[in-house]
Amino acid sequence: MRNPFTAVMVFVAGIVLTAFPPPSWSEDPAPQPTPNTAKPPDPPPQPVAEDLPPSLLKAAQERMVEINHRAEQLDQREQRLKMLEEEFKRIAQENTKLRTEIDQMKKSTGAPSGDPPLVTLSKMYAQMAPEEAAPRMEKMDQALALKILVQLKPKQAAQILSGMNPDTAATFSEQLVKTSK
């Protein structure tokens, strides 16, 4: 049996010569053989696995097992990442679709639009007892009181009008009819 160190050196030398051929190989091309006599060049001698020490072979095999295991883990992580990306895209599309549906529903239900302070004020008057809301609306600007009444549900507006002075309630009712045209 040959010296193990010599076998490793031959192996390394073969790799180095293959990767970095000497300048004489690339500068002085060999004469081109005719097609009938063409013969591929012999590869540099590679050490035989039996020539390497068993501990080195075992270490190389363990390292290959570890590398293969890590490669499998990376493949699994990559597949999981792709699945998560696809799920994220699906959820984002669903979110966009739901937002569009919500916007359309808001438009179709006639949700109060326009002046946010007016909407807030209308909600406040809707929460008040009709006997408290009526005197306050009688004292405010008639145009503003009409805008608030329009924002309220018909039942709430009727209760507030019933709590007002009959003349004022009649005026507001006439104005409501005119604004609804």
N, C-alpha and C. Protein backbone atom coordinates (compact mmCIF):
# COMPACT_ATOMS: atom_id res chain seq x y z
N MET A 1 0.85 -1.19 0.00
CA MET A 1 0.00 0.00 0.00
C MET A 1 0.88 1.24 0.00
N ARG A 2 0.41 2.27 -0.74
CA ARG A 2 1.18 3.50 -0.83
C ARG A 2 0.97 4.34 0.42
N ASN A 3 1.81 5.32 0.58
CA ASN A 3 1.72 6.24 1.70
C ASN A 3 0.42 7.06 1.56
N PRO A 4 -0.46 7.18 2.61
CA PRO A 4 -1.71 7.94 2.50
C PRO A 4 -1.48 9.41 2.15
N PHE A 5 -0.43 9.99 2.68
CA PHE A 5 -0.13 11.39 2.39
C PHE A 5 0.14 11.56 0.90
N THR A 6 0.84 10.62 0.29
CA THR A 6 1.14 10.68 -1.14
C THR A 6 -0.16 10.58 -1.94
N ALA A 7 -1.08 9.72 -1.51
CA ALA A 7 -2.36 9.56 -2.22
C ALA A 7 -3.16 10.87 -2.19
N VAL A 8 -3.18 11.53 -1.04
CA VAL A 8 -3.90 12.80 -0.93
C VAL A 8 -3.24 13.84 -1.81
N MET A 9 -1.94 13.89 -1.83
CA MET A 9 -1.21 14.87 -2.64
C MET A 9 -1.47 14.63 -4.13
N VAL A 10 -1.53 13.37 -4.54
CA VAL A 10 -1.81 13.05 -5.94
C VAL A 10 -3.23 13.52 -6.28
N PHE A 11 -4.16 13.27 -5.36
CA PHE A 11 -5.55 13.69 -5.56
C PHE A 11 -5.63 15.22 -5.71
N VAL A 12 -4.99 15.96 -4.81
CA VAL A 12 -5.00 17.43 -4.85
C VAL A 12 -4.29 17.92 -6.11
N ALA A 13 -3.21 17.33 -6.46
CA ALA A 13 -2.47 17.74 -7.66
C ALA A 13 -3.33 17.54 -8.90
N GLY A 14 -4.10 16.44 -8.93
CA GLY A 14 -4.97 16.19 -10.07
C GLY A 14 -6.04 17.26 -10.20
N ILE A 15 -6.61 17.67 -9.08
CA ILE A 15 -7.63 18.72 -9.09
C ILE A 15 -7.03 20.04 -9.53
N VAL A 16 -5.86 20.39 -8.99
CA VAL A 16 -5.21 21.65 -9.33
C VAL A 16 -4.84 21.68 -10.81
N LEU A 17 -4.29 20.60 -11.33
CA LEU A 17 -3.90 20.57 -12.73
C LEU A 17 -5.12 20.64 -13.65
N THR A 18 -6.24 20.06 -13.20
CA THR A 18 -7.44 20.11 -14.03
C THR A 18 -8.00 21.53 -14.05
N ALA A 19 -8.02 22.17 -12.88
CA ALA A 19 -8.59 23.51 -12.78
C ALA A 19 -7.65 24.56 -13.36
N PHE A 20 -6.36 24.41 -13.16
CA PHE A 20 -5.38 25.40 -13.62
C PHE A 20 -4.28 24.70 -14.41
N PRO A 21 -4.53 24.45 -15.69
CA PRO A 21 -3.49 23.75 -16.48
C PRO A 21 -2.26 24.65 -16.64
N PRO A 22 -1.09 24.05 -16.75
CA PRO A 22 0.12 24.86 -16.94
C PRO A 22 0.07 25.60 -18.28
N PRO A 23 0.78 26.72 -18.39
CA PRO A 23 0.73 27.51 -19.62
C PRO A 23 1.12 26.71 -20.86
N SER A 24 1.99 25.74 -20.74
CA SER A 24 2.40 24.98 -21.91
C SER A 24 1.22 24.23 -22.52
N TRP A 25 0.22 23.86 -21.72
CA TRP A 25 -0.94 23.16 -22.26
C TRP A 25 -1.80 24.08 -23.09
N SER A 26 -1.93 25.34 -22.70
CA SER A 26 -2.83 26.23 -23.43
C SER A 26 -2.11 27.03 -24.51
N GLU A 27 -0.80 27.25 -24.39
CA GLU A 27 -0.10 28.07 -25.35
C GLU A 27 0.32 27.29 -26.59
N ASP A 28 0.68 26.03 -26.43
CA ASP A 28 1.19 25.24 -27.54
C ASP A 28 0.18 24.15 -27.84
N PRO A 29 -0.79 24.45 -28.70
CA PRO A 29 -1.79 23.42 -28.95
C PRO A 29 -1.18 22.21 -29.66
N ALA A 30 -1.69 21.07 -29.32
CA ALA A 30 -1.22 19.83 -29.93
C ALA A 30 -1.72 19.77 -31.37
N PRO A 31 -1.02 19.09 -32.23
CA PRO A 31 -1.50 18.99 -33.61
C PRO A 31 -2.87 18.32 -33.64
N GLN A 32 -3.74 18.83 -34.48
CA GLN A 32 -5.10 18.33 -34.58
C GLN A 32 -5.07 16.96 -35.26
N PRO A 33 -5.60 15.95 -34.55
CA PRO A 33 -5.62 14.62 -35.18
C PRO A 33 -6.73 14.55 -36.21
N THR A 34 -6.60 13.67 -37.11
CA THR A 34 -7.63 13.46 -38.12
C THR A 34 -8.82 12.78 -37.44
N PRO A 35 -10.01 12.94 -37.99
CA PRO A 35 -11.18 12.36 -37.34
C PRO A 35 -11.09 10.86 -37.12
N ASN A 36 -10.40 10.15 -37.95
CA ASN A 36 -10.33 8.70 -37.81
C ASN A 36 -9.43 8.29 -36.64
N THR A 37 -8.45 9.10 -36.33
CA THR A 37 -7.49 8.72 -35.30
C THR A 37 -7.69 9.55 -34.02
N ALA A 38 -8.78 10.28 -33.93
CA ALA A 38 -9.01 11.14 -32.76
C ALA A 38 -9.18 10.28 -31.52
N LYS A 39 -8.46 10.66 -30.47
CA LYS A 39 -8.53 9.92 -29.22
C LYS A 39 -8.53 10.95 -28.10
N PRO A 40 -9.50 10.88 -27.19
CA PRO A 40 -9.54 11.89 -26.13
C PRO A 40 -8.32 11.75 -25.23
N PRO A 41 -7.87 12.88 -24.67
CA PRO A 41 -6.69 12.79 -23.79
C PRO A 41 -7.07 12.06 -22.51
N ASP A 42 -6.10 11.41 -21.95
CA ASP A 42 -6.33 10.69 -20.70
C ASP A 42 -6.52 11.69 -19.57
N PRO A 43 -7.51 11.45 -18.71
CA PRO A 43 -7.68 12.35 -17.58
C PRO A 43 -6.53 12.18 -16.59
N PRO A 44 -6.28 13.22 -15.80
CA PRO A 44 -5.19 13.08 -14.83
C PRO A 44 -5.54 11.96 -13.84
N PRO A 45 -4.55 11.31 -13.31
CA PRO A 45 -4.81 10.18 -12.41
C PRO A 45 -5.51 10.67 -11.14
N GLN A 46 -6.57 9.97 -10.75
CA GLN A 46 -7.31 10.28 -9.53
C GLN A 46 -6.97 9.22 -8.49
N PRO A 47 -6.86 9.62 -7.26
CA PRO A 47 -6.56 8.61 -6.24
C PRO A 47 -7.75 7.69 -6.05
N VAL A 48 -7.52 6.52 -5.73
CA VAL A 48 -8.54 5.51 -5.51
C VAL A 48 -8.97 5.62 -4.04
N ALA A 49 -10.26 5.39 -3.79
CA ALA A 49 -10.78 5.54 -2.44
C ALA A 49 -10.07 4.61 -1.46
N GLU A 50 -9.62 3.44 -1.94
CA GLU A 50 -8.94 2.51 -1.05
C GLU A 50 -7.58 3.04 -0.60
N ASP A 51 -7.03 3.99 -1.38
CA ASP A 51 -5.72 4.53 -1.04
C ASP A 51 -5.80 5.57 0.08
N LEU A 52 -7.02 6.07 0.38
CA LEU A 52 -7.17 7.09 1.41
C LEU A 52 -7.35 6.43 2.77
N PRO A 53 -6.92 7.10 3.83
CA PRO A 53 -7.08 6.50 5.17
C PRO A 53 -8.57 6.39 5.54
N PRO A 54 -8.94 5.38 6.27
CA PRO A 54 -10.35 5.18 6.63
C PRO A 54 -10.94 6.35 7.40
N SER A 55 -10.17 6.98 8.25
CA SER A 55 -10.70 8.10 9.04
C SER A 55 -11.07 9.27 8.11
N LEU A 56 -10.27 9.48 7.07
CA LEU A 56 -10.56 10.56 6.12
C LEU A 56 -11.80 10.22 5.31
N LEU A 57 -11.93 8.96 4.90
CA LEU A 57 -13.11 8.53 4.16
C LEU A 57 -14.37 8.67 5.02
N LYS A 58 -14.27 8.26 6.28
CA LYS A 58 -15.42 8.35 7.18
C LYS A 58 -15.81 9.81 7.40
N ALA A 59 -14.82 10.69 7.59
CA ALA A 59 -15.09 12.11 7.79
C ALA A 59 -15.75 12.72 6.55
N ALA A 60 -15.28 12.32 5.36
CA ALA A 60 -15.86 12.82 4.12
C ALA A 60 -17.29 12.33 3.96
N GLN A 61 -17.55 11.06 4.31
CA GLN A 61 -18.90 10.53 4.21
C GLN A 61 -19.84 11.22 5.20
N GLU A 62 -19.37 11.46 6.42
CA GLU A 62 -20.19 12.17 7.41
C GLU A 62 -20.51 13.59 6.94
N ARG A 63 -19.51 14.21 6.36
CA ARG A 63 -19.71 15.58 5.87
C ARG A 63 -20.73 15.59 4.72
N MET A 64 -20.66 14.59 3.85
CA MET A 64 -21.62 14.50 2.75
C MET A 64 -23.03 14.27 3.29
N VAL A 65 -23.17 13.43 4.31
CA VAL A 65 -24.47 13.18 4.93
C VAL A 65 -25.01 14.50 5.51
N GLU A 66 -24.15 15.24 6.20
CA GLU A 66 -24.54 16.53 6.79
C GLU A 66 -24.95 17.53 5.70
N ILE A 67 -24.17 17.58 4.63
CA ILE A 67 -24.49 18.50 3.52
C ILE A 67 -25.82 18.13 2.88
N ASN A 68 -26.04 16.84 2.67
CA ASN A 68 -27.31 16.39 2.08
C ASN A 68 -28.49 16.71 3.01
N HIS A 69 -28.29 16.52 4.31
CA HIS A 69 -29.35 16.84 5.28
C HIS A 69 -29.68 18.33 5.25
N ARG A 70 -28.65 19.17 5.22
CA ARG A 70 -28.88 20.62 5.16
C ARG A 70 -29.56 21.02 3.85
N ALA A 71 -29.17 20.36 2.77
CA ALA A 71 -29.81 20.66 1.48
C ALA A 71 -31.29 20.31 1.53
N GLU A 72 -31.63 19.18 2.15
CA GLU A 72 -33.03 18.80 2.29
C GLU A 72 -33.78 19.82 3.14
N GLN A 73 -33.15 20.26 4.24
CA GLN A 73 -33.78 21.27 5.10
C GLN A 73 -34.02 22.57 4.33
N LEU A 74 -33.04 22.98 3.55
CA LEU A 74 -33.19 24.20 2.75
C LEU A 74 -34.30 24.05 1.72
N ASP A 75 -34.39 22.89 1.10
CA ASP A 75 -35.47 22.65 0.14
C ASP A 75 -36.84 22.72 0.81
N GLN A 76 -36.93 22.13 2.00
CA GLN A 76 -38.19 22.18 2.75
C GLN A 76 -38.55 23.61 3.13
N ARG A 77 -37.57 24.37 3.60
CA ARG A 77 -37.81 25.77 3.96
C ARG A 77 -38.23 26.58 2.74
N GLU A 78 -37.58 26.32 1.62
CA GLU A 78 -37.92 27.04 0.39
C GLU A 78 -39.35 26.73 -0.05
N GLN A 79 -39.74 25.46 0.05
CA GLN A 79 -41.11 25.08 -0.29
C GLN A 79 -42.10 25.75 0.66
N ARG A 80 -41.79 25.76 1.94
CA ARG A 80 -42.67 26.40 2.94
C ARG A 80 -42.78 27.90 2.66
N LEU A 81 -41.66 28.53 2.32
CA LEU A 81 -41.66 29.95 2.01
C LEU A 81 -42.52 30.24 0.79
N LYS A 82 -42.43 29.40 -0.23
CA LYS A 82 -43.26 29.58 -1.43
C LYS A 82 -44.73 29.45 -1.08
N MET A 83 -45.06 28.47 -0.23
CA MET A 83 -46.45 28.29 0.19
C MET A 83 -46.94 29.51 0.96
N LEU A 84 -46.10 30.04 1.84
CA LEU A 84 -46.49 31.22 2.62
C LEU A 84 -46.66 32.44 1.72
N GLU A 85 -45.78 32.59 0.74
CA GLU A 85 -45.90 33.71 -0.20
C GLU A 85 -47.21 33.61 -0.98
N GLU A 86 -47.55 32.41 -1.44
CA GLU A 86 -48.80 32.22 -2.17
C GLU A 86 -50.00 32.52 -1.28
N GLU A 87 -49.94 32.07 -0.02
CA GLU A 87 -51.04 32.34 0.91
C GLU A 87 -51.15 33.84 1.20
N PHE A 88 -50.01 34.51 1.34
CA PHE A 88 -50.01 35.95 1.57
C PHE A 88 -50.65 36.68 0.39
N LYS A 89 -50.30 36.29 -0.82
CA LYS A 89 -50.89 36.91 -2.01
C LYS A 89 -52.39 36.68 -2.05
N ARG A 90 -52.81 35.45 -1.71
CA ARG A 90 -54.23 35.13 -1.72
C ARG A 90 -54.97 35.97 -0.69
N ILE A 91 -54.41 36.11 0.50
CA ILE A 91 -55.05 36.89 1.55
C ILE A 91 -55.09 38.37 1.17
N ALA A 92 -54.02 38.87 0.56
CA ALA A 92 -54.01 40.27 0.13
C ALA A 92 -55.07 40.52 -0.92
N GLN A 93 -55.23 39.59 -1.87
CA GLN A 93 -56.27 39.73 -2.89
C GLN A 93 -57.66 39.68 -2.26
N GLU A 94 -57.83 38.78 -1.31
CA GLU A 94 -59.12 38.66 -0.63
C GLU A 94 -59.42 39.94 0.17
N ASN A 95 -58.39 40.48 0.80
CA ASN A 95 -58.55 41.73 1.55
C ASN A 95 -58.97 42.87 0.63
N THR A 96 -58.33 42.97 -0.52
CA THR A 96 -58.68 44.01 -1.49
C THR A 96 -60.13 43.82 -1.96
N LYS A 97 -60.49 42.58 -2.22
CA LYS A 97 -61.85 42.28 -2.67
C LYS A 97 -62.87 42.67 -1.59
N LEU A 98 -62.59 42.32 -0.34
CA LEU A 98 -63.50 42.66 0.76
C LEU A 98 -63.63 44.17 0.95
N ARG A 99 -62.52 44.87 0.82
CA ARG A 99 -62.57 46.34 0.95
C ARG A 99 -63.45 46.94 -0.14
N THR A 100 -63.32 46.41 -1.34
CA THR A 100 -64.15 46.89 -2.45
C THR A 100 -65.63 46.61 -2.16
N GLU A 101 -65.91 45.40 -1.68
CA GLU A 101 -67.29 45.05 -1.35
C GLU A 101 -67.84 45.96 -0.25
N ILE A 102 -67.03 46.25 0.76
CA ILE A 102 -67.47 47.12 1.85
C ILE A 102 -67.77 48.51 1.33
N ASP A 103 -66.89 49.03 0.47
CA ASP A 103 -67.12 50.36 -0.11
C ASP A 103 -68.41 50.38 -0.93
N GLN A 104 -68.65 49.32 -1.70
CA GLN A 104 -69.87 49.25 -2.50
C GLN A 104 -71.09 49.16 -1.60
N MET A 105 -70.98 48.40 -0.51
CA MET A 105 -72.11 48.28 0.41
C MET A 105 -72.41 49.62 1.09
N LYS A 106 -71.36 50.35 1.43
CA LYS A 106 -71.57 51.66 2.04
C LYS A 106 -72.31 52.58 1.08
N LYS A 107 -71.90 52.53 -0.17
CA LYS A 107 -72.55 53.38 -1.18
C LYS A 107 -74.00 52.96 -1.40
N SER A 108 -74.25 51.65 -1.44
CA SER A 108 -75.59 51.17 -1.75
C SER A 108 -76.56 51.33 -0.58
N THR A 109 -76.08 51.33 0.64
CA THR A 109 -76.96 51.47 1.79
C THR A 109 -77.31 52.91 2.08
N GLY A 110 -76.70 53.82 1.37
CA GLY A 110 -76.99 55.23 1.59
C GLY A 110 -76.44 55.72 2.92
N ALA A 111 -75.32 55.21 3.30
CA ALA A 111 -74.70 55.66 4.54
C ALA A 111 -74.47 57.16 4.44
N PRO A 112 -74.67 57.87 5.53
CA PRO A 112 -74.54 59.32 5.47
C PRO A 112 -73.18 59.71 4.95
N SER A 113 -73.21 60.61 4.03
CA SER A 113 -71.95 61.07 3.47
C SER A 113 -71.91 62.58 3.62
N GLY A 114 -70.84 63.14 3.23
CA GLY A 114 -70.74 64.59 3.27
C GLY A 114 -69.96 65.05 4.48
N ASP A 115 -70.50 66.05 5.12
CA ASP A 115 -69.84 66.76 6.19
C ASP A 115 -69.73 65.88 7.44
N PRO A 116 -68.53 65.41 7.82
CA PRO A 116 -68.39 64.57 9.01
C PRO A 116 -68.91 65.23 10.30
N PRO A 117 -68.70 66.54 10.53
CA PRO A 117 -69.28 67.12 11.74
C PRO A 117 -70.81 67.04 11.74
N LEU A 118 -71.44 67.20 10.58
CA LEU A 118 -72.90 67.10 10.50
C LEU A 118 -73.35 65.67 10.82
N VAL A 119 -72.61 64.69 10.32
CA VAL A 119 -72.95 63.29 10.60
C VAL A 119 -72.81 63.04 12.10
N THR A 120 -71.75 63.53 12.70
CA THR A 120 -71.54 63.36 14.13
C THR A 120 -72.65 64.03 14.92
N LEU A 121 -73.01 65.25 14.53
CA LEU A 121 -74.07 65.97 15.21
C LEU A 121 -75.41 65.24 15.06
N SER A 122 -75.66 64.68 13.90
CA SER A 122 -76.90 63.93 13.68
C SER A 122 -76.94 62.71 14.59
N LYS A 123 -75.80 62.04 14.74
CA LYS A 123 -75.75 60.88 15.63
C LYS A 123 -76.00 61.29 17.08
N MET A 124 -75.48 62.45 17.45
CA MET A 124 -75.71 62.94 18.81
C MET A 124 -77.19 63.19 19.05
N TYR A 125 -77.88 63.85 18.11
CA TYR A 125 -79.31 64.12 18.27
C TYR A 125 -80.12 62.82 18.22
N ALA A 126 -79.63 61.83 17.50
CA ALA A 126 -80.33 60.54 17.45
C ALA A 126 -80.26 59.84 18.81
N GLN A 127 -79.19 60.10 19.56
CA GLN A 127 -79.04 59.49 20.88
C GLN A 127 -79.84 60.21 21.96
N MET A 128 -80.21 61.47 21.72
CA MET A 128 -80.97 62.25 22.71
C MET A 128 -82.41 61.78 22.78
N ALA A 129 -83.00 62.05 23.92
CA ALA A 129 -84.45 61.82 24.06
C ALA A 129 -85.16 62.87 23.20
N PRO A 130 -86.24 62.52 22.51
CA PRO A 130 -86.93 63.46 21.62
C PRO A 130 -87.37 64.75 22.34
N GLU A 131 -87.80 64.65 23.60
CA GLU A 131 -88.25 65.84 24.32
C GLU A 131 -87.09 66.78 24.65
N GLU A 132 -85.84 66.27 24.64
CA GLU A 132 -84.67 67.13 24.84
C GLU A 132 -84.18 67.69 23.50
N ALA A 133 -84.24 66.89 22.45
CA ALA A 133 -83.74 67.32 21.14
C ALA A 133 -84.64 68.38 20.52
N ALA A 134 -85.96 68.28 20.70
CA ALA A 134 -86.91 69.19 20.06
C ALA A 134 -86.65 70.66 20.41
N PRO A 135 -86.57 71.05 21.70
CA PRO A 135 -86.36 72.46 22.00
C PRO A 135 -85.02 72.99 21.49
N ARG A 136 -84.02 72.14 21.48
CA ARG A 136 -82.70 72.59 20.99
C ARG A 136 -82.75 72.86 19.49
N MET A 137 -83.43 71.99 18.76
CA MET A 137 -83.51 72.17 17.31
C MET A 137 -84.35 73.39 16.95
N GLU A 138 -85.36 73.73 17.78
CA GLU A 138 -86.17 74.92 17.53
C GLU A 138 -85.33 76.18 17.63
N LYS A 139 -84.33 76.17 18.52
CA LYS A 139 -83.53 77.37 18.75
C LYS A 139 -82.39 77.53 17.74
N MET A 140 -81.96 76.45 17.08
CA MET A 140 -80.83 76.56 16.14
C MET A 140 -81.28 77.06 14.77
N ASP A 141 -80.30 77.30 13.92
CA ASP A 141 -80.56 77.74 12.55
C ASP A 141 -81.43 76.70 11.87
N GLN A 142 -82.45 77.18 11.16
CA GLN A 142 -83.43 76.28 10.55
C GLN A 142 -82.78 75.36 9.50
N ALA A 143 -81.84 75.87 8.72
CA ALA A 143 -81.18 75.06 7.69
C ALA A 143 -80.38 73.91 8.32
N LEU A 144 -79.70 74.22 9.42
CA LEU A 144 -78.93 73.19 10.11
C LEU A 144 -79.85 72.15 10.73
N ALA A 145 -80.95 72.61 11.34
CA ALA A 145 -81.91 71.68 11.94
C ALA A 145 -82.49 70.76 10.87
N LEU A 146 -82.76 71.27 9.69
CA LEU A 146 -83.30 70.44 8.60
C LEU A 146 -82.27 69.41 8.14
N LYS A 147 -81.00 69.81 8.07
CA LYS A 147 -79.94 68.87 7.66
C LYS A 147 -79.83 67.73 8.68
N ILE A 148 -79.97 68.08 9.96
CA ILE A 148 -79.90 67.04 11.00
C ILE A 148 -81.09 66.10 10.88
N LEU A 149 -82.30 66.67 10.70
CA LEU A 149 -83.51 65.85 10.59
C LEU A 149 -83.43 64.89 9.41
N VAL A 150 -82.86 65.34 8.31
CA VAL A 150 -82.72 64.49 7.12
C VAL A 150 -81.81 63.30 7.41
N GLN A 151 -80.80 63.49 8.24
CA GLN A 151 -79.85 62.42 8.57
C GLN A 151 -80.46 61.38 9.52
N LEU A 152 -81.48 61.75 10.26
CA LEU A 152 -82.09 60.84 11.24
C LEU A 152 -83.02 59.83 10.58
N LYS A 153 -83.29 58.77 11.30
CA LYS A 153 -84.28 57.79 10.84
C LYS A 153 -85.66 58.45 10.93
N PRO A 154 -86.59 58.08 10.07
CA PRO A 154 -87.91 58.72 10.07
C PRO A 154 -88.61 58.66 11.44
N LYS A 155 -88.48 57.56 12.13
CA LYS A 155 -89.14 57.45 13.43
C LYS A 155 -88.55 58.45 14.43
N GLN A 156 -87.21 58.59 14.42
CA GLN A 156 -86.56 59.54 15.32
C GLN A 156 -86.95 60.97 14.97
N ALA A 157 -86.96 61.29 13.67
CA ALA A 157 -87.34 62.64 13.24
C ALA A 157 -88.79 62.93 13.64
N ALA A 158 -89.68 61.96 13.51
CA ALA A 158 -91.10 62.15 13.87
C ALA A 158 -91.23 62.42 15.36
N GLN A 159 -90.48 61.71 16.18
CA GLN A 159 -90.57 61.92 17.62
C GLN A 159 -90.08 63.32 18.00
N ILE A 160 -89.00 63.77 17.34
CA ILE A 160 -88.49 65.11 17.62
C ILE A 160 -89.50 66.16 17.17
N LEU A 161 -90.07 66.00 15.97
CA LEU A 161 -91.07 66.96 15.47
C LEU A 161 -92.29 67.00 16.39
N SER A 162 -92.67 65.86 16.96
CA SER A 162 -93.84 65.84 17.85
C SER A 162 -93.56 66.57 19.16
N GLY A 163 -92.31 66.73 19.53
CA GLY A 163 -91.95 67.44 20.75
C GLY A 163 -91.79 68.93 20.53
N MET A 164 -91.85 69.39 19.28
CA MET A 164 -91.67 70.81 18.96
C MET A 164 -93.01 71.55 19.05
N ASN A 165 -92.91 72.88 19.06
CA ASN A 165 -94.09 73.76 18.94
C ASN A 165 -94.77 73.38 17.64
N PRO A 166 -96.11 73.26 17.61
CA PRO A 166 -96.80 72.83 16.39
C PRO A 166 -96.50 73.72 15.18
N ASP A 167 -96.37 75.03 15.35
CA ASP A 167 -96.07 75.91 14.21
C ASP A 167 -94.67 75.64 13.66
N THR A 168 -93.71 75.47 14.57
CA THR A 168 -92.33 75.19 14.14
C THR A 168 -92.26 73.82 13.47
N ALA A 169 -92.94 72.83 14.02
CA ALA A 169 -92.95 71.49 13.44
C ALA A 169 -93.56 71.52 12.04
N ALA A 170 -94.61 72.33 11.85
CA ALA A 170 -95.23 72.45 10.52
C ALA A 170 -94.26 73.09 9.54
N THR A 171 -93.54 74.11 9.96
CA THR A 171 -92.56 74.77 9.08
C THR A 171 -91.46 73.78 8.69
N PHE A 172 -90.95 73.05 9.68
CA PHE A 172 -89.90 72.06 9.39
C PHE A 172 -90.43 70.98 8.43
N SER A 173 -91.65 70.54 8.63
CA SER A 173 -92.23 69.52 7.76
C SER A 173 -92.32 70.01 6.32
N GLU A 174 -92.77 71.27 6.14
CA GLU A 174 -92.85 71.84 4.79
C GLU A 174 -91.47 71.92 4.16
N GLN A 175 -90.50 72.32 4.95
CA GLN A 175 -89.12 72.44 4.43
C GLN A 175 -88.55 71.05 4.08
N LEU A 176 -88.87 70.06 4.87
CA LEU A 176 -88.41 68.70 4.58
C LEU A 176 -88.95 68.19 3.25
N VAL A 177 -90.22 68.50 2.98
CA VAL A 177 -90.83 68.09 1.71
C VAL A 177 -90.14 68.80 0.56
N LYS A 178 -89.87 70.10 0.73
CA LYS A 178 -89.21 70.87 -0.34
C LYS A 178 -87.80 70.37 -0.60
N THR A 179 -87.05 70.00 0.44
CA THR A 179 -85.67 69.55 0.25
C THR A 179 -85.60 68.14 -0.33
N SER A 180 -86.67 67.35 -0.12
CA SER A 180 -86.64 65.99 -0.66
C SER A 180 -86.95 65.95 -2.15
N LYS A 181 -87.45 67.06 -2.71
CA LYS A 181 -87.78 67.08 -4.16
C LYS A 181 -86.57 67.17 -4.98
